[in-house]
Amino acid sequence: MRTYRLFLVAVAGAIALAACEGPAGPPGPPGNANVISFTFTLNPEDLRYNGPVASVGYDIPEITPDVVAGGAVLLYFYEQGTWTALPYVFAYESPELPAVDFTVTLGYAFEVGFLEVFYEASTSAVNLRELALVQTPRQLKVVIIDGFAAAKAPIDWRNYSAVKAYFGLED
């Protein structure tokens, strides 16, 4: 009987010691494990032309099936000191008339593992190869959100600064 009691005391002591917690470790870096962002450059020499569209594709393995099914991919371009959400429409006016002759949309599309960025003219009469807009390298920032638990977050998704602050992203 004495051996049995010693055994129970030993087991109880082992369980008590295993349940103890040590001191808290240092805090981890700020951020969100379900959100990543990075910056890249859209170079004019990489564009492929097809009628009123000029586009370039990028392999991005971070765009997973979960992102496509329930997450988000946001894209911004940098101009005049600010990040502006895509799609964005540029208007061209005739020098003779104060009216818009045509527009060019800077937009994007994505699927699993792939992001396509494009310029699309509102008319096929426009030669995109000749526009200075298309010949300018553009700094782009992509934000990939895996899953969409933040769907009801009070964020202006068009404002990169708001998205950056909410998710703790770094530049």
C-alpha atoms as a PDB file:
ATOM      1  CA  MET A   1       0.000   0.000   0.000  1.00  0.00           C
ATOM      2  CA  ARG A   2       2.883   2.336   0.805  1.00  0.00           C
ATOM      3  CA  THR A   3       4.339   1.836  -2.693  1.00  0.00           C
ATOM      4  CA  TYR A   4       0.992   2.707  -4.214  1.00  0.00           C
ATOM      5  CA  ARG A   5       0.811   5.997  -2.221  1.00  0.00           C
ATOM      6  CA  LEU A   6       4.353   6.916  -3.228  1.00  0.00           C
ATOM      7  CA  PHE A   7       3.437   6.235  -6.833  1.00  0.00           C
ATOM      8  CA  LEU A   8       0.354   8.520  -6.592  1.00  0.00           C
ATOM      9  CA  VAL A   9       2.400  11.281  -4.934  1.00  0.00           C
ATOM     10  CA  ALA A  10       5.037  11.014  -7.681  1.00  0.00           C
ATOM     11  CA  VAL A  11       2.419  11.160 -10.458  1.00  0.00           C
ATOM     12  CA  ALA A  12       0.655  14.132  -8.819  1.00  0.00           C
ATOM     13  CA  GLY A  13       3.987  15.945  -8.476  1.00  0.00           C
ATOM     14  CA  ALA A  14       4.886  15.313 -12.114  1.00  0.00           C
ATOM     15  CA  ILE A  15       1.511  16.622 -13.277  1.00  0.00           C
ATOM     16  CA  ALA A  16       1.855  19.715 -11.087  1.00  0.00           C
ATOM     17  CA  LEU A  17       5.331  20.458 -12.447  1.00  0.00           C
ATOM     18  CA  ALA A  18       4.233  19.929 -16.059  1.00  0.00           C
ATOM     19  CA  ALA A  19       1.390  22.398 -15.611  1.00  0.00           C
ATOM     20  CA  CYS A  20       3.657  25.236 -14.481  1.00  0.00           C
ATOM     21  CA  GLU A  21       4.277  28.108 -16.892  1.00  0.00           C
ATOM     22  CA  GLY A  22       7.530  29.942 -17.302  1.00  0.00           C
ATOM     23  CA  PRO A  23       7.973  33.682 -17.786  1.00  0.00           C
ATOM     24  CA  ALA A  24       6.453  35.322 -20.865  1.00  0.00           C
ATOM     25  CA  GLY A  25       8.796  35.712 -23.811  1.00  0.00           C
ATOM     26  CA  PRO A  26       9.459  38.964 -25.676  1.00  0.00           C
ATOM     27  CA  PRO A  27       6.663  40.266 -27.906  1.00  0.00           C
ATOM     28  CA  GLY A  28       6.820  39.296 -31.570  1.00  0.00           C
ATOM     29  CA  PRO A  29       7.098  41.777 -34.441  1.00  0.00           C
ATOM     30  CA  PRO A  30       3.992  43.763 -35.338  1.00  0.00           C
ATOM     31  CA  GLY A  31       1.881  42.545 -38.221  1.00  0.00           C
ATOM     32  CA  ASN A  32      -0.786  40.102 -39.191  1.00  0.00           C
ATOM     33  CA  ALA A  33       0.013  36.497 -40.089  1.00  0.00           C
ATOM     34  CA  ASN A  34      -2.825  36.412 -42.624  1.00  0.00           C
ATOM     35  CA  VAL A  35      -1.761  39.522 -44.554  1.00  0.00           C
ATOM     36  CA  ILE A  36       1.346  40.186 -46.625  1.00  0.00           C
ATOM     37  CA  SER A  37       2.366  43.096 -48.797  1.00  0.00           C
ATOM     38  CA  PHE A  38       5.249  43.900 -51.074  1.00  0.00           C
ATOM     39  CA  THR A  39       6.248  46.487 -53.650  1.00  0.00           C
ATOM     40  CA  PHE A  40       7.332  45.908 -57.228  1.00  0.00           C
ATOM     41  CA  THR A  41       7.804  47.938 -60.426  1.00  0.00           C
ATOM     42  CA  LEU A  42       5.659  47.747 -63.547  1.00  0.00           C
ATOM     43  CA  ASN A  43       8.211  48.271 -66.332  1.00  0.00           C
ATOM     44  CA  PRO A  44       6.941  49.448 -69.756  1.00  0.00           C
ATOM     45  CA  GLU A  45       9.281  47.079 -71.616  1.00  0.00           C
ATOM     46  CA  ASP A  46       7.505  44.094 -69.998  1.00  0.00           C
ATOM     47  CA  LEU A  47       4.053  45.022 -71.378  1.00  0.00           C
ATOM     48  CA  ARG A  48       2.345  42.867 -74.022  1.00  0.00           C
ATOM     49  CA  TYR A  49      -0.014  44.681 -76.387  1.00  0.00           C
ATOM     50  CA  ASN A  50      -3.340  43.347 -77.633  1.00  0.00           C
ATOM     51  CA  GLY A  51      -5.508  45.999 -79.286  1.00  0.00           C
ATOM     52  CA  PRO A  52      -6.576  48.561 -76.664  1.00  0.00           C
ATOM     53  CA  VAL A  53      -4.947  46.575 -73.817  1.00  0.00           C
ATOM     54  CA  ALA A  54      -1.340  46.473 -72.624  1.00  0.00           C
ATOM     55  CA  SER A  55      -0.657  43.989 -69.831  1.00  0.00           C
ATOM     56  CA  VAL A  56       1.973  42.112 -67.882  1.00  0.00           C
ATOM     57  CA  GLY A  57       1.572  39.005 -65.744  1.00  0.00           C
ATOM     58  CA  TYR A  58       3.373  38.088 -62.537  1.00  0.00           C
ATOM     59  CA  ASP A  59       3.662  34.689 -60.863  1.00  0.00           C
ATOM     60  CA  ILE A  60       2.709  35.264 -57.215  1.00  0.00           C
ATOM     61  CA  PRO A  61       2.486  32.011 -55.237  1.00  0.00           C
ATOM     62  CA  GLU A  62       1.101  33.896 -52.218  1.00  0.00           C
ATOM     63  CA  ILE A  63      -2.226  34.150 -54.071  1.00  0.00           C
ATOM     64  CA  THR A  64      -3.494  30.784 -52.869  1.00  0.00           C
ATOM     65  CA  PRO A  65      -6.854  29.064 -53.428  1.00  0.00           C
ATOM     66  CA  ASP A  66      -7.904  30.336 -49.965  1.00  0.00           C
ATOM     67  CA  VAL A  67      -7.129  33.917 -51.007  1.00  0.00           C
ATOM     68  CA  VAL A  68      -9.122  33.545 -54.227  1.00  0.00           C
ATOM     69  CA  ALA A  69     -12.047  31.816 -52.489  1.00  0.00           C
ATOM     70  CA  GLY A  70     -12.380  34.024 -49.420  1.00  0.00           C
ATOM     71  CA  GLY A  71      -9.597  36.574 -49.211  1.00  0.00           C
ATOM     72  CA  ALA A  72      -8.609  39.680 -51.108  1.00  0.00           C
ATOM     73  CA  VAL A  73      -5.890  41.031 -53.352  1.00  0.00           C
ATOM     74  CA  LEU A  74      -5.530  44.813 -53.288  1.00  0.00           C
ATOM     75  CA  LEU A  75      -3.259  46.782 -55.593  1.00  0.00           C
ATOM     76  CA  TYR A  76      -2.063  50.384 -55.313  1.00  0.00           C
ATOM     77  CA  PHE A  77       0.219  52.569 -57.441  1.00  0.00           C
ATOM     78  CA  TYR A  78       2.506  55.310 -56.161  1.00  0.00           C
ATOM     79  CA  GLU A  79       2.283  58.777 -57.668  1.00  0.00           C
ATOM     80  CA  GLN A  80       2.820  62.288 -56.369  1.00  0.00           C
ATOM     81  CA  GLY A  81       3.647  61.101 -52.842  1.00  0.00           C
ATOM     82  CA  THR A  82       0.627  58.869 -52.255  1.00  0.00           C
ATOM     83  CA  TRP A  83      -0.583  55.305 -52.819  1.00  0.00           C
ATOM     84  CA  THR A  84      -3.737  55.200 -54.954  1.00  0.00           C
ATOM     85  CA  ALA A  85      -6.009  52.158 -55.261  1.00  0.00           C
ATOM     86  CA  LEU A  86      -6.563  50.360 -58.529  1.00  0.00           C
ATOM     87  CA  PRO A  87      -8.493  50.386 -60.729  1.00  0.00           C
ATOM     88  CA  TYR A  88      -7.727  53.989 -61.617  1.00  0.00           C
ATOM     89  CA  VAL A  89      -8.924  55.879 -64.682  1.00  0.00           C
ATOM     90  CA  PHE A  90      -6.833  58.518 -66.484  1.00  0.00           C
ATOM     91  CA  ALA A  91      -8.760  60.940 -68.751  1.00  0.00           C
ATOM     92  CA  TYR A  92      -7.305  62.528 -71.893  1.00  0.00           C
ATOM     93  CA  GLU A  93      -8.749  65.817 -73.125  1.00  0.00           C
ATOM     94  CA  SER A  94      -8.553  67.313 -76.541  1.00  0.00           C
ATOM     95  CA  PRO A  95      -6.471  70.515 -76.672  1.00  0.00           C
ATOM     96  CA  GLU A  96      -9.211  72.084 -78.809  1.00  0.00           C
ATOM     97  CA  LEU A  97     -12.213  71.198 -76.635  1.00  0.00           C
ATOM     98  CA  PRO A  98     -12.641  70.972 -72.856  1.00  0.00           C
ATOM     99  CA  ALA A  99     -13.973  67.438 -73.131  1.00  0.00           C
ATOM    100  CA  VAL A 100     -12.610  63.974 -72.468  1.00  0.00           C
ATOM    101  CA  ASP A 101     -11.615  62.266 -75.708  1.00  0.00           C
ATOM    102  CA  PHE A 102     -10.796  58.882 -74.187  1.00  0.00           C
ATOM    103  CA  THR A 103      -9.786  57.227 -70.931  1.00  0.00           C
ATOM    104  CA  VAL A 104      -7.162  54.684 -69.952  1.00  0.00           C
ATOM    105  CA  THR A 105      -7.783  52.398 -66.982  1.00  0.00           C
ATOM    106  CA  LEU A 106      -4.910  51.035 -64.922  1.00  0.00           C
ATOM    107  CA  GLY A 107      -6.358  47.846 -63.466  1.00  0.00           C
ATOM    108  CA  TYR A 108      -5.619  44.301 -62.389  1.00  0.00           C
ATOM    109  CA  ALA A 109      -6.994  40.783 -62.240  1.00  0.00           C
ATOM    110  CA  PHE A 110      -5.843  37.714 -60.327  1.00  0.00           C
ATOM    111  CA  GLU A 111      -6.238  33.976 -60.020  1.00  0.00           C
ATOM    112  CA  VAL A 112      -4.421  31.304 -58.030  1.00  0.00           C
ATOM    113  CA  GLY A 113      -0.675  32.028 -58.234  1.00  0.00           C
ATOM    114  CA  PHE A 114      -1.022  34.843 -60.758  1.00  0.00           C
ATOM    115  CA  LEU A 115      -1.547  38.619 -60.941  1.00  0.00           C
ATOM    116  CA  GLU A 116      -2.086  40.545 -64.175  1.00  0.00           C
ATOM    117  CA  VAL A 117      -1.729  44.325 -64.322  1.00  0.00           C
ATOM    118  CA  PHE A 118      -3.082  46.141 -67.357  1.00  0.00           C
ATOM    119  CA  TYR A 119      -3.763  49.428 -69.089  1.00  0.00           C
ATOM    120  CA  GLU A 120      -6.998  49.444 -71.080  1.00  0.00           C
ATOM    121  CA  ALA A 121      -8.017  52.264 -73.411  1.00  0.00           C
ATOM    122  CA  SER A 122     -11.694  53.139 -73.770  1.00  0.00           C
ATOM    123  CA  THR A 123     -11.360  52.963 -77.561  1.00  0.00           C
ATOM    124  CA  SER A 124      -9.322  50.849 -79.958  1.00  0.00           C
ATOM    125  CA  ALA A 125      -8.466  54.049 -81.875  1.00  0.00           C
ATOM    126  CA  VAL A 126      -5.828  54.828 -79.196  1.00  0.00           C
ATOM    127  CA  ASN A 127      -2.278  53.591 -79.758  1.00  0.00           C
ATOM    128  CA  LEU A 128      -1.196  52.677 -76.229  1.00  0.00           C
ATOM    129  CA  ARG A 129       2.452  52.272 -77.312  1.00  0.00           C
ATOM    130  CA  GLU A 130       2.594  56.027 -77.984  1.00  0.00           C
ATOM    131  CA  LEU A 131       1.134  57.219 -74.671  1.00  0.00           C
ATOM    132  CA  ALA A 132       3.608  58.584 -72.119  1.00  0.00           C
ATOM    133  CA  LEU A 133       1.357  57.125 -69.402  1.00  0.00           C
ATOM    134  CA  VAL A 134       2.115  53.571 -70.518  1.00  0.00           C
ATOM    135  CA  GLN A 135       5.812  54.324 -71.015  1.00  0.00           C
ATOM    136  CA  THR A 136       6.324  55.377 -67.384  1.00  0.00           C
ATOM    137  CA  PRO A 137       7.601  52.797 -64.868  1.00  0.00           C
ATOM    138  CA  ARG A 138       5.104  52.499 -62.008  1.00  0.00           C
ATOM    139  CA  GLN A 139       5.803  51.494 -58.447  1.00  0.00           C
ATOM    140  CA  LEU A 140       3.026  49.115 -57.325  1.00  0.00           C
ATOM    141  CA  LYS A 141       2.143  47.672 -53.930  1.00  0.00           C
ATOM    142  CA  VAL A 142       0.117  44.487 -53.576  1.00  0.00           C
ATOM    143  CA  VAL A 143      -1.660  43.513 -50.353  1.00  0.00           C
ATOM    144  CA  ILE A 144      -2.734  39.866 -50.121  1.00  0.00           C
ATOM    145  CA  ILE A 145      -5.235  38.936 -47.419  1.00  0.00           C
ATOM    146  CA  ASP A 146      -5.580  35.192 -46.748  1.00  0.00           C
ATOM    147  CA  GLY A 147      -9.114  34.513 -45.638  1.00  0.00           C
ATOM    148  CA  PHE A 148     -11.361  37.459 -45.036  1.00  0.00           C
ATOM    149  CA  ALA A 149     -12.096  37.661 -41.329  1.00  0.00           C
ATOM    150  CA  ALA A 150     -11.552  41.401 -41.666  1.00  0.00           C
ATOM    151  CA  ALA A 151     -14.434  41.753 -44.131  1.00  0.00           C
ATOM    152  CA  LYS A 152     -16.458  43.795 -41.674  1.00  0.00           C
ATOM    153  CA  ALA A 153     -13.512  45.870 -40.518  1.00  0.00           C
ATOM    154  CA  PRO A 154     -14.103  49.624 -40.631  1.00  0.00           C
ATOM    155  CA  ILE A 155     -11.440  50.182 -43.311  1.00  0.00           C
ATOM    156  CA  ASP A 156     -11.476  52.343 -46.411  1.00  0.00           C
ATOM    157  CA  TRP A 157      -9.986  49.657 -48.706  1.00  0.00           C
ATOM    158  CA  ARG A 158      -9.130  52.331 -51.308  1.00  0.00           C
ATOM    159  CA  ASN A 159      -6.820  54.083 -48.822  1.00  0.00           C
ATOM    160  CA  TYR A 160      -3.485  52.267 -48.517  1.00  0.00           C
ATOM    161  CA  SER A 161      -2.590  54.177 -45.338  1.00  0.00           C
ATOM    162  CA  ALA A 162      -5.763  52.875 -43.648  1.00  0.00           C
ATOM    163  CA  VAL A 163      -5.096  49.281 -44.784  1.00  0.00           C
ATOM    164  CA  LYS A 164      -1.454  49.576 -43.675  1.00  0.00           C
ATOM    165  CA  ALA A 165      -2.414  50.875 -40.228  1.00  0.00           C
ATOM    166  CA  TYR A 166      -5.164  48.280 -39.646  1.00  0.00           C
ATOM    167  CA  PHE A 167      -3.002  45.283 -40.578  1.00  0.00           C
ATOM    168  CA  GLY A 168       0.300  46.618 -39.188  1.00  0.00           C
ATOM    169  CA  LEU A 169       2.056  46.494 -42.577  1.00  0.00           C
ATOM    170  CA  GLU A 170       5.487  47.948 -43.161  1.00  0.00           C
ATOM    171  CA  ASP A 171       6.574  49.903 -46.238  1.00  0.00           C
END
